[in-house]
Every structure is written in structure tokens, then in C-alpha cells.
Amino acid sequence: MPPRKKAMLTDHVRAAVLADVALTHEAAMDALERDKIRIYLATEQGLETYEIAERLGLSRTSVNKYARQGREALASRERSAGEQAGSGGGGADPGGPRELLAHGV
């Protein structure tokens, strides 16, 4: 099968596609971080790693790793929020870690 020819994109179309890819990637990475924070909070609220692993179809090793990464991400977000509050740089992150805790997520 011969190789496919790449379509020639105009500059403005190329810029729009790259911007869309960047936004989608950023949203996906943020969702992954929030998922890890939720896994960490679930373990802190008393769920066992085997329960989470069974429900999500993951290994217990992965759940432990995600919980650790979630703890680190939550601490980082809280430090960042504290620095912003200290510099008068805005309010809480809607849907952020404090809101997750408030809703028991």
C-alpha cells in the first residue's frame, strides 16, 4: 500500500488545529490529575485499595501509585492556592481540591 500524502494546511488552519490539540491535551492531563486526587481521597476516606482496583479494573499496584501521585498533586495544588491567596491572586479553584474535599469526593 503506498504511503498517504499529507494534506497541505494553510497557516491559520494549522494554528487552529494545534490550539485545539493543546486545549484537549491540557484538559486530559487535568482530568488525569483529578482522577488521581480522587483515588487518594477515597483511600483517605477508608476505601481499601483492592476495592478501588476491582471497581476500576486496575491492579492494586496502580491504585497505590495513583494514590501516592494524587497525594502529591493535592499538596502541590494546595501550596499553589496558598501562594496565590498570599499574593492576592484570586480565589479558590472551582472544582479544585478544596471543593473535592467539601463534597466528599
PDB file of N, CA and C in Angstrom:
ATOM      1  N   MET A   1       0.845  -1.159   0.000  1.00  0.00           N
ATOM      2  CA  MET A   1       0.000   0.000   0.000  1.00  0.00           C
ATOM      3  C   MET A   1       0.899   1.234   0.000  1.00  0.00           C
ATOM      4  N   PRO A   2       0.679   2.149  -0.934  1.00  0.00           N
ATOM      5  CA  PRO A   2       1.539   3.336  -1.000  1.00  0.00           C
ATOM      6  C   PRO A   2       1.268   4.277   0.175  1.00  0.00           C
ATOM      7  N   PRO A   3       2.287   5.024   0.593  1.00  0.00           N
ATOM      8  CA  PRO A   3       2.087   5.960   1.706  1.00  0.00           C
ATOM      9  C   PRO A   3       1.096   7.052   1.326  1.00  0.00           C
ATOM     10  N   ARG A   4       0.331   7.477   2.323  1.00  0.00           N
ATOM     11  CA  ARG A   4      -0.654   8.536   2.096  1.00  0.00           C
ATOM     12  C   ARG A   4       0.045   9.879   2.010  1.00  0.00           C
ATOM     13  N   LYS A   5      -0.482  10.732   1.161  1.00  0.00           N
ATOM     14  CA  LYS A   5       0.046  12.091   1.063  1.00  0.00           C
ATOM     15  C   LYS A   5      -0.570  12.928   2.173  1.00  0.00           C
ATOM     16  N   LYS A   6       0.239  13.724   2.809  1.00  0.00           N
ATOM     17  CA  LYS A   6      -0.273  14.613   3.847  1.00  0.00           C
ATOM     18  C   LYS A   6      -0.946  15.802   3.197  1.00  0.00           C
ATOM     19  N   ALA A   7      -2.043  16.217   3.804  1.00  0.00           N
ATOM     20  CA  ALA A   7      -2.756  17.384   3.291  1.00  0.00           C
ATOM     21  C   ALA A   7      -1.957  18.634   3.631  1.00  0.00           C
ATOM     22  N   MET A   8      -1.928  19.556   2.719  1.00  0.00           N
ATOM     23  CA  MET A   8      -1.247  20.828   2.953  1.00  0.00           C
ATOM     24  C   MET A   8      -2.226  21.769   3.650  1.00  0.00           C
ATOM     25  N   LEU A   9      -1.896  22.172   4.851  1.00  0.00           N
ATOM     26  CA  LEU A   9      -2.767  23.051   5.625  1.00  0.00           C
ATOM     27  C   LEU A   9      -2.283  24.487   5.514  1.00  0.00           C
ATOM     28  N   THR A  10      -3.242  25.387   5.457  1.00  0.00           N
ATOM     29  CA  THR A  10      -2.869  26.800   5.482  1.00  0.00           C
ATOM     30  C   THR A  10      -2.438  27.149   6.898  1.00  0.00           C
ATOM     31  N   ASP A  11      -1.740  28.255   7.046  1.00  0.00           N
ATOM     32  CA  ASP A  11      -1.204  28.641   8.352  1.00  0.00           C
ATOM     33  C   ASP A  11      -2.296  28.805   9.399  1.00  0.00           C
ATOM     34  N   HIS A  12      -3.414  29.449   9.036  1.00  0.00           N
ATOM     35  CA  HIS A  12      -4.457  29.678  10.040  1.00  0.00           C
ATOM     36  C   HIS A  12      -5.152  28.369  10.435  1.00  0.00           C
ATOM     37  N   VAL A  13      -5.294  27.434   9.506  1.00  0.00           N
ATOM     38  CA  VAL A  13      -5.876  26.131   9.842  1.00  0.00           C
ATOM     39  C   VAL A  13      -4.910  25.350  10.726  1.00  0.00           C
ATOM     40  N   ARG A  14      -3.632  25.373  10.388  1.00  0.00           N
ATOM     41  CA  ARG A  14      -2.612  24.694  11.194  1.00  0.00           C
ATOM     42  C   ARG A  14      -2.606  25.252  12.624  1.00  0.00           C
ATOM     43  N   ALA A  15      -2.668  26.568  12.765  1.00  0.00           N
ATOM     44  CA  ALA A  15      -2.677  27.195  14.090  1.00  0.00           C
ATOM     45  C   ALA A  15      -3.925  26.792  14.873  1.00  0.00           C
ATOM     46  N   ALA A  16      -5.075  26.742  14.206  1.00  0.00           N
ATOM     47  CA  ALA A  16      -6.318  26.362  14.882  1.00  0.00           C
ATOM     48  C   ALA A  16      -6.277  24.910  15.340  1.00  0.00           C
ATOM     49  N   VAL A  17      -5.768  24.030  14.500  1.00  0.00           N
ATOM     50  CA  VAL A  17      -5.680  22.611  14.858  1.00  0.00           C
ATOM     51  C   VAL A  17      -4.712  22.424  16.024  1.00  0.00           C
ATOM     52  N   LEU A  18      -3.572  23.092  15.981  1.00  0.00           N
ATOM     53  CA  LEU A  18      -2.604  22.984  17.081  1.00  0.00           C
ATOM     54  C   LEU A  18      -3.181  23.518  18.385  1.00  0.00           C
ATOM     55  N   ALA A  19      -3.925  24.620  18.321  1.00  0.00           N
ATOM     56  CA  ALA A  19      -4.554  25.174  19.524  1.00  0.00           C
ATOM     57  C   ALA A  19      -5.574  24.190  20.090  1.00  0.00           C
ATOM     58  N   ASP A  20      -6.346  23.561  19.219  1.00  0.00           N
ATOM     59  CA  ASP A  20      -7.337  22.583  19.662  1.00  0.00           C
ATOM     60  C   ASP A  20      -6.669  21.378  20.312  1.00  0.00           C
ATOM     61  N   VAL A  21      -5.599  20.889  19.704  1.00  0.00           N
ATOM     62  CA  VAL A  21      -4.867  19.749  20.267  1.00  0.00           C
ATOM     63  C   VAL A  21      -4.301  20.120  21.640  1.00  0.00           C
ATOM     64  N   ALA A  22      -3.755  21.321  21.765  1.00  0.00           N
ATOM     65  CA  ALA A  22      -3.187  21.759  23.044  1.00  0.00           C
ATOM     66  C   ALA A  22      -4.264  21.852  24.121  1.00  0.00           C
ATOM     67  N   LEU A  23      -5.425  22.395  23.787  1.00  0.00           N
ATOM     68  CA  LEU A  23      -6.514  22.503  24.761  1.00  0.00           C
ATOM     69  C   LEU A  23      -7.010  21.128  25.191  1.00  0.00           C
ATOM     70  N   THR A  24      -7.177  20.240  24.236  1.00  0.00           N
ATOM     71  CA  THR A  24      -7.641  18.889  24.544  1.00  0.00           C
ATOM     72  C   THR A  24      -6.628  18.155  25.421  1.00  0.00           C
ATOM     73  N   HIS A  25      -5.356  18.303  25.104  1.00  0.00           N
ATOM     74  CA  HIS A  25      -4.302  17.651  25.890  1.00  0.00           C
ATOM     75  C   HIS A  25      -4.288  18.193  27.320  1.00  0.00           C
ATOM     76  N   GLU A  26      -4.381  19.505  27.456  1.00  0.00           N
ATOM     77  CA  GLU A  26      -4.390  20.118  28.786  1.00  0.00           C
ATOM     78  C   GLU A  26      -5.583  19.625  29.600  1.00  0.00           C
ATOM     79  N   ALA A  27      -6.750  19.540  28.979  1.00  0.00           N
ATOM     80  CA  ALA A  27      -7.944  19.058  29.675  1.00  0.00           C
ATOM     81  C   ALA A  27      -7.779  17.598  30.096  1.00  0.00           C
ATOM     82  N   ALA A  28      -7.198  16.785  29.232  1.00  0.00           N
ATOM     83  CA  ALA A  28      -6.992  15.374  29.549  1.00  0.00           C
ATOM     84  C   ALA A  28      -6.001  15.206  30.699  1.00  0.00           C
ATOM     85  N   MET A  29      -4.930  15.975  30.683  1.00  0.00           N
ATOM     86  CA  MET A  29      -3.936  15.882  31.754  1.00  0.00           C
ATOM     87  C   MET A  29      -4.526  16.346  33.084  1.00  0.00           C
ATOM     88  N   ASP A  30      -5.348  17.395  33.049  1.00  0.00           N
ATOM     89  CA  ASP A  30      -6.006  17.881  34.257  1.00  0.00           C
ATOM     90  C   ASP A  30      -6.979  16.827  34.787  1.00  0.00           C
ATOM     91  N   ALA A  31      -7.723  16.189  33.885  1.00  0.00           N
ATOM     92  CA  ALA A  31      -8.660  15.142  34.297  1.00  0.00           C
ATOM     93  C   ALA A  31      -7.915  13.965  34.929  1.00  0.00           C
ATOM     94  N   LEU A  32      -6.779  13.597  34.372  1.00  0.00           N
ATOM     95  CA  LEU A  32      -5.987  12.502  34.927  1.00  0.00           C
ATOM     96  C   LEU A  32      -5.490  12.853  36.331  1.00  0.00           C
ATOM     97  N   GLU A  33      -5.040  14.097  36.507  1.00  0.00           N
ATOM     98  CA  GLU A  33      -4.577  14.520  37.829  1.00  0.00           C
ATOM     99  C   GLU A  33      -5.728  14.512  38.831  1.00  0.00           C
ATOM    100  N   ARG A  34      -6.894  15.003  38.426  1.00  0.00           N
ATOM    101  CA  ARG A  34      -8.062  14.998  39.317  1.00  0.00           C
ATOM    102  C   ARG A  34      -8.472  13.568  39.675  1.00  0.00           C
ATOM    103  N   ASP A  35      -8.373  12.650  38.729  1.00  0.00           N
ATOM    104  CA  ASP A  35      -8.699  11.255  38.988  1.00  0.00           C
ATOM    105  C   ASP A  35      -7.770  10.690  40.057  1.00  0.00           C
ATOM    106  N   LYS A  36      -6.496  10.995  39.961  1.00  0.00           N
ATOM    107  CA  LYS A  36      -5.533  10.514  40.951  1.00  0.00           C
ATOM    108  C   LYS A  36      -5.812  11.122  42.320  1.00  0.00           C
ATOM    109  N   ILE A  37      -6.196  12.396  42.344  1.00  0.00           N
ATOM    110  CA  ILE A  37      -6.556  13.034  43.613  1.00  0.00           C
ATOM    111  C   ILE A  37      -7.778  12.348  44.208  1.00  0.00           C
ATOM    112  N   ARG A  38      -8.757  12.035  43.387  1.00  0.00           N
ATOM    113  CA  ARG A  38      -9.960  11.358  43.878  1.00  0.00           C
ATOM    114  C   ARG A  38      -9.628   9.975  44.432  1.00  0.00           C
ATOM    115  N   ILE A  39      -8.722   9.262  43.776  1.00  0.00           N
ATOM    116  CA  ILE A  39      -8.309   7.948  44.276  1.00  0.00           C
ATOM    117  C   ILE A  39      -7.627   8.108  45.628  1.00  0.00           C
ATOM    118  N   TYR A  40      -6.754   9.092  45.753  1.00  0.00           N
ATOM    119  CA  TYR A  40      -6.092   9.344  47.039  1.00  0.00           C
ATOM    120  C   TYR A  40      -7.123   9.655  48.123  1.00  0.00           C
ATOM    121  N   LEU A  41      -8.064  10.555  47.813  1.00  0.00           N
ATOM    122  CA  LEU A  41      -9.076  10.925  48.802  1.00  0.00           C
ATOM    123  C   LEU A  41      -9.948   9.729  49.181  1.00  0.00           C
ATOM    124  N   ALA A  42     -10.231   8.857  48.227  1.00  0.00           N
ATOM    125  CA  ALA A  42     -11.019   7.657  48.525  1.00  0.00           C
ATOM    126  C   ALA A  42     -10.282   6.762  49.512  1.00  0.00           C
ATOM    127  N   THR A  43      -8.971   6.629  49.342  1.00  0.00           N
ATOM    128  CA  THR A  43      -8.204   5.811  50.287  1.00  0.00           C
ATOM    129  C   THR A  43      -8.162   6.481  51.657  1.00  0.00           C
ATOM    130  N   GLU A  44      -8.100   7.804  51.672  1.00  0.00           N
ATOM    131  CA  GLU A  44      -8.097   8.527  52.945  1.00  0.00           C
ATOM    132  C   GLU A  44      -9.444   8.413  53.658  1.00  0.00           C
ATOM    133  N   GLN A  45     -10.509   8.249  52.891  1.00  0.00           N
ATOM    134  CA  GLN A  45     -11.842   8.132  53.476  1.00  0.00           C
ATOM    135  C   GLN A  45     -12.166   6.705  53.900  1.00  0.00           C
ATOM    136  N   GLY A  46     -11.227   5.785  53.701  1.00  0.00           N
ATOM    137  CA  GLY A  46     -11.391   4.443  54.223  1.00  0.00           C
ATOM    138  C   GLY A  46     -11.597   3.339  53.210  1.00  0.00           C
ATOM    139  N   LEU A  47     -11.682   3.655  51.932  1.00  0.00           N
ATOM    140  CA  LEU A  47     -11.801   2.581  50.943  1.00  0.00           C
ATOM    141  C   LEU A  47     -10.476   1.831  50.848  1.00  0.00           C
ATOM    142  N   GLU A  48     -10.570   0.533  50.681  1.00  0.00           N
ATOM    143  CA  GLU A  48      -9.380  -0.296  50.530  1.00  0.00           C
ATOM    144  C   GLU A  48      -8.910  -0.257  49.082  1.00  0.00           C
ATOM    145  N   THR A  49      -7.607  -0.392  48.894  1.00  0.00           N
ATOM    146  CA  THR A  49      -7.073  -0.337  47.533  1.00  0.00           C
ATOM    147  C   THR A  49      -7.627  -1.464  46.666  1.00  0.00           C
ATOM    148  N   TYR A  50      -7.879  -2.634  47.270  1.00  0.00           N
ATOM    149  CA  TYR A  50      -8.414  -3.728  46.460  1.00  0.00           C
ATOM    150  C   TYR A  50      -9.822  -3.413  45.963  1.00  0.00           C
ATOM    151  N   GLU A  51     -10.626  -2.674  46.778  1.00  0.00           N
ATOM    152  CA  GLU A  51     -11.971  -2.287  46.340  1.00  0.00           C
ATOM    153  C   GLU A  51     -11.902  -1.351  45.137  1.00  0.00           C
ATOM    154  N   ILE A  52     -11.024  -0.371  45.235  1.00  0.00           N
ATOM    155  CA  ILE A  52     -10.862   0.593  44.142  1.00  0.00           C
ATOM    156  C   ILE A  52     -10.332  -0.118  42.904  1.00  0.00           C
ATOM    157  N   ALA A  53      -9.354  -0.987  43.104  1.00  0.00           N
ATOM    158  CA  ALA A  53      -8.754  -1.713  41.978  1.00  0.00           C
ATOM    159  C   ALA A  53      -9.794  -2.565  41.255  1.00  0.00           C
ATOM    160  N   GLU A  54     -10.619  -3.281  42.014  1.00  0.00           N
ATOM    161  CA  GLU A  54     -11.660  -4.108  41.398  1.00  0.00           C
ATOM    162  C   GLU A  54     -12.655  -3.260  40.625  1.00  0.00           C
ATOM    163  N   ARG A  55     -13.084  -2.165  41.233  1.00  0.00           N
ATOM    164  CA  ARG A  55     -14.104  -1.313  40.602  1.00  0.00           C
ATOM    165  C   ARG A  55     -13.594  -0.665  39.319  1.00  0.00           C
ATOM    166  N   LEU A  56     -12.325  -0.246  39.318  1.00  0.00           N
ATOM    167  CA  LEU A  56     -11.765   0.455  38.164  1.00  0.00           C
ATOM    168  C   LEU A  56     -11.076  -0.475  37.169  1.00  0.00           C
ATOM    169  N   GLY A  57     -10.916  -1.734  37.537  1.00  0.00           N
ATOM    170  CA  GLY A  57     -10.232  -2.668  36.645  1.00  0.00           C
ATOM    171  C   GLY A  57      -8.734  -2.415  36.569  1.00  0.00           C
ATOM    172  N   LEU A  58      -8.167  -1.989  37.691  1.00  0.00           N
ATOM    173  CA  LEU A  58      -6.737  -1.705  37.775  1.00  0.00           C
ATOM    174  C   LEU A  58      -6.080  -2.688  38.730  1.00  0.00           C
ATOM    175  N   SER A  59      -4.766  -2.733  38.698  1.00  0.00           N
ATOM    176  CA  SER A  59      -4.044  -3.531  39.684  1.00  0.00           C
ATOM    177  C   SER A  59      -3.947  -2.723  40.979  1.00  0.00           C
ATOM    178  N   ARG A  60      -3.757  -3.423  42.088  1.00  0.00           N
ATOM    179  CA  ARG A  60      -3.589  -2.722  43.363  1.00  0.00           C
ATOM    180  C   ARG A  60      -2.331  -1.863  43.339  1.00  0.00           C
ATOM    181  N   THR A  61      -1.313  -2.329  42.617  1.00  0.00           N
ATOM    182  CA  THR A  61      -0.083  -1.550  42.486  1.00  0.00           C
ATOM    183  C   THR A  61      -0.373  -0.213  41.820  1.00  0.00           C
ATOM    184  N   SER A  62      -1.187  -0.227  40.770  1.00  0.00           N
ATOM    185  CA  SER A  62      -1.544   1.017  40.081  1.00  0.00           C
ATOM    186  C   SER A  62      -2.339   1.934  40.994  1.00  0.00           C
ATOM    187  N   VAL A  63      -3.271   1.365  41.746  1.00  0.00           N
ATOM    188  CA  VAL A  63      -4.073   2.180  42.665  1.00  0.00           C
ATOM    189  C   VAL A  63      -3.172   2.825  43.709  1.00  0.00           C
ATOM    190  N   ASN A  64      -2.229   2.061  44.259  1.00  0.00           N
ATOM    191  CA  ASN A  64      -1.295   2.627  45.238  1.00  0.00           C
ATOM    192  C   ASN A  64      -0.459   3.741  44.618  1.00  0.00           C
ATOM    193  N   LYS A  65       0.003   3.519  43.388  1.00  0.00           N
ATOM    194  CA  LYS A  65       0.807   4.528  42.695  1.00  0.00           C
ATOM    195  C   LYS A  65      -0.024   5.782  42.444  1.00  0.00           C
ATOM    196  N   TYR A  66      -1.266   5.605  41.963  1.00  0.00           N
ATOM    197  CA  TYR A  66      -2.127   6.756  41.687  1.00  0.00           C
ATOM    198  C   TYR A  66      -2.477   7.501  42.972  1.00  0.00           C
ATOM    199  N   ALA A  67      -2.689   6.769  44.062  1.00  0.00           N
ATOM    200  CA  ALA A  67      -2.991   7.424  45.337  1.00  0.00           C
ATOM    201  C   ALA A  67      -1.800   8.274  45.794  1.00  0.00           C
ATOM    202  N   ARG A  68      -0.594   7.732  45.644  1.00  0.00           N
ATOM    203  CA  ARG A  68       0.603   8.499  46.013  1.00  0.00           C
ATOM    204  C   ARG A  68       0.725   9.736  45.141  1.00  0.00           C
ATOM    205  N   GLN A  69       0.534   9.568  43.824  1.00  0.00           N
ATOM    206  CA  GLN A  69       0.610  10.710  42.915  1.00  0.00           C
ATOM    207  C   GLN A  69      -0.507  11.708  43.201  1.00  0.00           C
ATOM    208  N   GLY A  70      -1.670  11.215  43.593  1.00  0.00           N
ATOM    209  CA  GLY A  70      -2.779  12.093  43.949  1.00  0.00           C
ATOM    210  C   GLY A  70      -2.480  12.906  45.196  1.00  0.00           C
ATOM    211  N   ARG A  71      -1.841  12.267  46.183  1.00  0.00           N
ATOM    212  CA  ARG A  71      -1.453  12.984  47.404  1.00  0.00           C
ATOM    213  C   ARG A  71      -0.475  14.105  47.065  1.00  0.00           C
ATOM    214  N   GLU A  72       0.488  13.791  46.200  1.00  0.00           N
ATOM    215  CA  GLU A  72       1.474  14.801  45.791  1.00  0.00           C
ATOM    216  C   GLU A  72       0.820  15.925  44.992  1.00  0.00           C
ATOM    217  N   ALA A  73      -0.103  15.579  44.102  1.00  0.00           N
ATOM    218  CA  ALA A  73      -0.788  16.590  43.286  1.00  0.00           C
ATOM    219  C   ALA A  73      -1.658  17.486  44.157  1.00  0.00           C
ATOM    220  N   LEU A  74      -2.342  16.897  45.131  1.00  0.00           N
ATOM    221  CA  LEU A  74      -3.186  17.681  46.035  1.00  0.00           C
ATOM    222  C   LEU A  74      -2.334  18.639  46.855  1.00  0.00           C
ATOM    223  N   ALA A  75      -1.216  18.152  47.370  1.00  0.00           N
ATOM    224  CA  ALA A  75      -0.322  19.016  48.146  1.00  0.00           C
ATOM    225  C   ALA A  75       0.206  20.153  47.283  1.00  0.00           C
ATOM    226  N   SER A  76       0.550  19.852  46.051  1.00  0.00           N
ATOM    227  CA  SER A  76       1.044  20.878  45.130  1.00  0.00           C
ATOM    228  C   SER A  76      -0.025  21.924  44.846  1.00  0.00           C
ATOM    229  N   ARG A  77      -1.249  21.461  44.613  1.00  0.00           N
ATOM    230  CA  ARG A  77      -2.349  22.407  44.354  1.00  0.00           C
ATOM    231  C   ARG A  77      -2.629  23.273  45.579  1.00  0.00           C
ATOM    232  N   GLU A  78      -2.565  22.681  46.760  1.00  0.00           N
ATOM    233  CA  GLU A  78      -2.809  23.454  47.977  1.00  0.00           C
ATOM    234  C   GLU A  78      -1.709  24.480  48.204  1.00  0.00           C
ATOM    235  N   ARG A  79      -0.454  24.104  47.924  1.00  0.00           N
ATOM    236  CA  ARG A  79       0.644  25.075  48.038  1.00  0.00           C
ATOM    237  C   ARG A  79       0.434  26.216  47.056  1.00  0.00           C
ATOM    238  N   SER A  80       0.071  25.873  45.843  1.00  0.00           N
ATOM    239  CA  SER A  80      -0.155  26.878  44.803  1.00  0.00           C
ATOM    240  C   SER A  80      -1.307  27.803  45.187  1.00  0.00           C
ATOM    241  N   ALA A  81      -2.381  27.242  45.721  1.00  0.00           N
ATOM    242  CA  ALA A  81      -3.523  28.054  46.139  1.00  0.00           C
ATOM    243  C   ALA A  81      -3.130  28.960  47.303  1.00  0.00           C
ATOM    244  N   GLY A  82      -2.298  28.450  48.213  1.00  0.00           N
ATOM    245  CA  GLY A  82      -1.833  29.262  49.333  1.00  0.00           C
ATOM    246  C   GLY A  82      -0.962  30.412  48.879  1.00  0.00           C
ATOM    247  N   GLU A  83      -0.109  30.155  47.892  1.00  0.00           N
ATOM    248  CA  GLU A  83       0.740  31.216  47.351  1.00  0.00           C
ATOM    249  C   GLU A  83      -0.095  32.270  46.646  1.00  0.00           C
ATOM    250  N   GLN A  84      -1.122  31.844  45.901  1.00  0.00           N
ATOM    251  CA  GLN A  84      -1.990  32.795  45.214  1.00  0.00           C
ATOM    252  C   GLN A  84      -2.780  33.617  46.219  1.00  0.00           C
ATOM    253  N   ALA A  85      -3.261  32.989  47.275  1.00  0.00           N
ATOM    254  CA  ALA A  85      -4.018  33.710  48.291  1.00  0.00           C
ATOM    255  C   ALA A  85      -3.111  34.699  49.019  1.00  0.00           C
ATOM    256  N   GLY A  86      -1.869  34.298  49.241  1.00  0.00           N
ATOM    257  CA  GLY A  86      -0.920  35.173  49.914  1.00  0.00           C
ATOM    258  C   GLY A  86      -0.551  36.388  49.093  1.00  0.00           C
ATOM    259  N   SER A  87      -0.582  36.240  47.769  1.00  0.00           N
ATOM    260  CA  SER A  87      -0.238  37.367  46.902  1.00  0.00           C
ATOM    261  C   SER A  87      -1.476  38.100  46.417  1.00  0.00           C
ATOM    262  N   GLY A  88      -2.655  37.699  46.913  1.00  0.00           N
ATOM    263  CA  GLY A  88      -3.888  38.351  46.485  1.00  0.00           C
ATOM    264  C   GLY A  88      -4.253  38.008  45.064  1.00  0.00           C
ATOM    265  N   GLY A  89      -3.825  36.835  44.594  1.00  0.00           N
ATOM    266  CA  GLY A  89      -4.007  36.465  43.203  1.00  0.00           C
ATOM    267  C   GLY A  89      -5.253  35.689  42.898  1.00  0.00           C
ATOM    268  N   GLY A  90      -6.340  35.919  43.572  1.00  0.00           N
ATOM    269  CA  GLY A  90      -7.575  35.261  43.177  1.00  0.00           C
ATOM    270  C   GLY A  90      -8.075  34.302  44.223  1.00  0.00           C
ATOM    271  N   GLY A  91      -9.219  33.731  43.918  1.00  0.00           N
ATOM    272  CA  GLY A  91      -9.895  32.859  44.854  1.00  0.00           C
ATOM    273  C   GLY A  91      -9.572  31.405  44.624  1.00  0.00           C
ATOM    274  N   ALA A  92     -10.480  30.587  45.121  1.00  0.00           N
ATOM    275  CA  ALA A  92     -10.291  29.148  45.035  1.00  0.00           C
ATOM    276  C   ALA A  92     -10.511  28.652  43.618  1.00  0.00           C
ATOM    277  N   ASP A  93      -9.922  27.518  43.354  1.00  0.00           N
ATOM    278  CA  ASP A  93     -10.070  26.860  42.059  1.00  0.00           C
ATOM    279  C   ASP A  93     -11.406  26.131  42.050  1.00  0.00           C
ATOM    280  N   PRO A  94     -12.378  26.585  41.230  1.00  0.00           N
ATOM    281  CA  PRO A  94     -13.655  25.869  41.195  1.00  0.00           C
ATOM    282  C   PRO A  94     -13.424  24.435  40.749  1.00  0.00           C
ATOM    283  N   GLY A  95     -13.927  23.511  41.527  1.00  0.00           N
ATOM    284  CA  GLY A  95     -13.708  22.106  41.200  1.00  0.00           C
ATOM    285  C   GLY A  95     -12.346  21.621  41.648  1.00  0.00           C
ATOM    286  N   GLY A  96     -11.609  22.465  42.353  1.00  0.00           N
ATOM    287  CA  GLY A  96     -10.273  22.121  42.802  1.00  0.00           C
ATOM    288  C   GLY A  96     -10.300  21.228  44.021  1.00  0.00           C
ATOM    289  N   PRO A  97      -9.136  20.990  44.619  1.00  0.00           N
ATOM    290  CA  PRO A  97      -9.035  20.027  45.708  1.00  0.00           C
ATOM    291  C   PRO A  97      -9.882  20.375  46.919  1.00  0.00           C
ATOM    292  N   ARG A  98      -9.984  21.652  47.258  1.00  0.00           N
ATOM    293  CA  ARG A  98     -10.792  22.009  48.420  1.00  0.00           C
ATOM    294  C   ARG A  98     -12.267  21.708  48.161  1.00  0.00           C
ATOM    295  N   GLU A  99     -12.709  21.971  46.937  1.00  0.00           N
ATOM    296  CA  GLU A  99     -14.095  21.659  46.600  1.00  0.00           C
ATOM    297  C   GLU A  99     -14.315  20.152  46.592  1.00  0.00           C
ATOM    298  N   LEU A 100     -13.319  19.397  46.133  1.00  0.00           N
ATOM    299  CA  LEU A 100     -13.432  17.943  46.144  1.00  0.00           C
ATOM    300  C   LEU A 100     -13.594  17.443  47.574  1.00  0.00           C
ATOM    301  N   LEU A 101     -12.810  18.004  48.491  1.00  0.00           N
ATOM    302  CA  LEU A 101     -12.910  17.603  49.889  1.00  0.00           C
ATOM    303  C   LEU A 101     -14.261  17.985  50.469  1.00  0.00           C
ATOM    304  N   ALA A 102     -14.749  19.176  50.128  1.00  0.00           N
ATOM    305  CA  ALA A 102     -16.020  19.656  50.656  1.00  0.00           C
ATOM    306  C   ALA A 102     -17.175  18.763  50.223  1.00  0.00           C
ATOM    307  N   HIS A 103     -17.072  18.192  49.042  1.00  0.00           N
ATOM    308  CA  HIS A 103     -18.140  17.339  48.527  1.00  0.00           C
ATOM    309  C   HIS A 103     -17.897  15.868  48.826  1.00  0.00           C
ATOM    310  N   GLY A 104     -16.828  15.583  49.548  1.00  0.00           N
ATOM    311  CA  GLY A 104     -16.537  14.207  49.912  1.00  0.00           C
ATOM    312  C   GLY A 104     -16.122  13.337  48.747  1.00  0.00           C
ATOM    313  N   VAL A 105     -15.507  13.958  47.740  1.00  0.00           N
ATOM    314  CA  VAL A 105     -15.076  13.198  46.559  1.00  0.00           C
ATOM    315  C   VAL A 105     -13.649  12.767  46.748  1.00  0.00           C
TER     316      VAL A 105
END
